Amino acid sequence: MTATTSDRTESPAGSNSSADSAGLAGRVVRIIGPVVDVEFPRDSMPPLFQALHAEIALESVRKRLTLEVAQHLGDNLVRTISMQPTDGLVRGVEVTDTGSSISVPVGDQVKGHVFNTLGQCLDDPDLKFEGERWSIHR
């Protein structure tokens, strides 16, 4: 059986499906350690477990944070968990919905490699896996 990020058939009431929410933009309103609250426009809330991206600048380096929607708080707010340190993230930063959940590569190609939660190869960072990917939530 092959799992994809679109296998999820239910989304919380009042939220968009994964495919419909791709590209939606919100703004960071609260940061407490790895917990980041994001406000989205009315009727544009991403579903639970959706991956979001926030671009931040640290001195001369730009970094993309991956956030995962953990809870719908109401009043157009979602509570997310950052998958990387939130150093440099400030209120007002734009957050973009990726339209899918976090996924990792699977299959024979990944044997013998070490990965982080985002599916990035840690033992060879330049190595890219083009094959099948599965959601981390199954």
Protein backbone atom coordinates (compact mmCIF):
# COMPACT_ATOMS: atom_id res chain seq x y z
CA MET A 1 0.00 0.00 0.00
CA THR A 2 1.30 3.43 -0.85
CA ALA A 3 0.46 6.35 1.42
CA THR A 4 0.45 9.92 0.26
CA THR A 5 -0.27 13.22 1.92
CA SER A 6 -3.66 13.31 0.20
CA ASP A 7 -4.86 10.05 1.83
CA ARG A 8 -6.45 12.04 4.65
CA THR A 9 -10.16 12.35 3.82
CA GLU A 10 -11.38 14.34 6.80
CA SER A 11 -10.38 17.80 7.84
CA PRO A 12 -11.57 19.69 10.90
CA ALA A 13 -14.78 21.64 10.55
CA GLY A 14 -14.29 25.04 8.97
CA SER A 15 -10.88 24.24 7.51
CA ASN A 16 -9.72 23.69 3.97
CA SER A 17 -8.52 20.39 2.58
CA SER A 18 -4.77 19.97 2.20
CA ALA A 19 -4.72 20.67 -1.52
CA ASP A 20 -7.01 23.70 -1.24
CA SER A 21 -4.93 25.38 1.45
CA ALA A 22 -1.57 25.42 -0.39
CA GLY A 23 -0.17 28.92 -0.68
CA LEU A 24 -2.39 30.49 1.98
CA ALA A 25 -0.54 33.10 4.02
CA GLY A 26 -0.82 33.93 7.70
CA ARG A 27 1.15 35.97 10.24
CA VAL A 28 3.00 34.98 13.42
CA VAL A 29 1.23 36.43 16.47
CA ARG A 30 2.92 34.62 19.41
CA ILE A 31 6.15 32.69 19.96
CA ILE A 32 6.86 30.70 23.13
CA GLY A 33 9.89 28.47 22.55
CA PRO A 34 9.01 25.98 19.80
CA VAL A 35 5.28 26.85 20.00
CA VAL A 36 4.21 29.43 17.42
CA ASP A 37 0.68 30.80 17.08
CA VAL A 38 -0.26 31.92 13.56
CA GLU A 39 -3.27 33.96 12.46
CA PHE A 40 -4.83 33.21 9.07
CA PRO A 41 -7.53 35.10 7.17
CA ARG A 42 -11.12 34.15 7.99
CA ASP A 43 -12.15 30.78 6.43
CA SER A 44 -8.54 30.01 5.43
CA MET A 45 -7.33 27.84 8.29
CA PRO A 46 -4.93 25.03 7.34
CA PRO A 47 -5.89 21.52 8.53
CA LEU A 48 -4.22 19.76 11.45
CA PHE A 49 -0.78 18.25 10.75
CA GLN A 50 -0.27 20.61 7.80
CA ALA A 51 3.29 21.87 7.21
CA LEU A 52 3.80 25.64 7.10
CA HIS A 53 6.92 27.61 6.18
CA ALA A 54 8.23 30.85 7.69
CA GLU A 55 11.24 32.67 6.21
CA ILE A 56 13.49 34.45 8.70
CA ALA A 57 16.75 36.38 8.39
CA LEU A 58 19.60 35.85 10.84
CA GLU A 59 22.29 38.45 10.16
CA SER A 60 23.19 37.73 6.51
CA VAL A 61 21.66 34.24 6.39
CA ARG A 62 18.06 33.48 5.43
CA LYS A 63 16.50 30.41 7.01
CA ARG A 64 13.22 28.60 6.37
CA LEU A 65 11.44 27.22 9.42
CA THR A 66 8.98 24.38 9.09
CA LEU A 67 5.99 24.59 11.42
CA GLU A 68 3.36 21.89 11.88
CA VAL A 69 -0.25 22.74 12.75
CA ALA A 70 -1.02 21.09 16.09
CA GLN A 71 -4.26 22.79 17.18
CA HIS A 72 -7.01 25.13 15.99
CA LEU A 73 -7.45 27.77 18.70
CA GLY A 74 -10.42 29.63 17.21
CA ASP A 75 -10.56 33.29 16.12
CA ASN A 76 -8.54 32.35 12.99
CA LEU A 77 -5.56 31.17 15.07
CA VAL A 78 -3.62 27.93 14.76
CA ARG A 79 -1.05 26.67 17.23
CA THR A 80 2.00 25.19 15.54
CA ILE A 81 5.16 23.40 16.62
CA SER A 82 8.43 24.46 15.02
CA MET A 83 10.66 21.68 13.74
CA GLN A 84 13.77 23.89 14.10
CA PRO A 85 14.94 26.48 16.66
CA THR A 86 12.84 29.66 16.50
CA ASP A 87 15.81 32.02 16.99
CA GLY A 88 15.21 35.12 14.86
CA LEU A 89 11.47 34.52 14.42
CA VAL A 90 9.44 37.61 15.34
CA ARG A 91 5.75 38.54 15.41
CA GLY A 92 4.41 39.61 12.05
CA VAL A 93 6.53 37.25 9.94
CA GLU A 94 4.55 35.79 7.04
CA VAL A 95 3.80 32.06 7.21
CA THR A 96 2.88 30.12 4.06
CA ASP A 97 0.88 26.90 3.91
CA THR A 98 2.67 24.17 1.94
CA GLY A 99 -0.53 22.26 1.13
CA SER A 100 0.76 18.98 2.59
CA SER A 101 2.03 17.42 5.78
CA ILE A 102 5.68 16.77 6.59
CA SER A 103 6.88 13.73 4.65
CA VAL A 104 9.99 11.57 4.53
CA PRO A 105 11.50 9.48 1.73
CA VAL A 106 10.89 5.72 1.86
CA GLY A 107 12.19 2.66 0.04
CA ASP A 108 15.50 0.95 -0.63
CA GLN A 109 17.17 4.27 -1.50
CA VAL A 110 17.07 5.41 2.14
CA LYS A 111 18.69 2.32 3.67
CA GLY A 112 21.88 3.15 5.53
CA HIS A 113 21.11 6.88 5.82
CA VAL A 114 20.13 9.00 8.80
CA PHE A 115 17.21 11.46 8.51
CA ASN A 116 15.68 14.19 10.62
CA THR A 117 11.94 14.69 11.15
CA LEU A 118 11.72 16.76 7.95
CA GLY A 119 13.08 13.94 5.78
CA GLN A 120 16.44 15.65 5.24
CA CYS A 121 19.44 13.35 5.00
CA LEU A 122 21.84 14.14 7.87
CA ASP A 123 24.79 11.95 6.88
CA ASP A 124 24.95 13.42 3.34
CA PRO A 125 23.11 16.81 3.21
CA ASP A 126 23.68 17.18 -0.56
CA LEU A 127 21.95 13.87 -1.31
CA LYS A 128 18.42 14.34 -2.71
CA PHE A 129 15.86 11.53 -2.79
CA GLU A 130 13.49 11.73 -5.76
CA GLY A 131 11.38 8.68 -5.00
CA GLU A 132 8.30 8.05 -2.94
CA ARG A 133 7.62 10.03 0.26
CA TRP A 134 5.24 9.20 3.10
CA SER A 135 3.66 11.51 5.63
CA ILE A 136 5.09 11.30 9.15
CA HIS A 137 1.49 10.92 10.40
CA ARG A 138 0.13 7.52 9.39
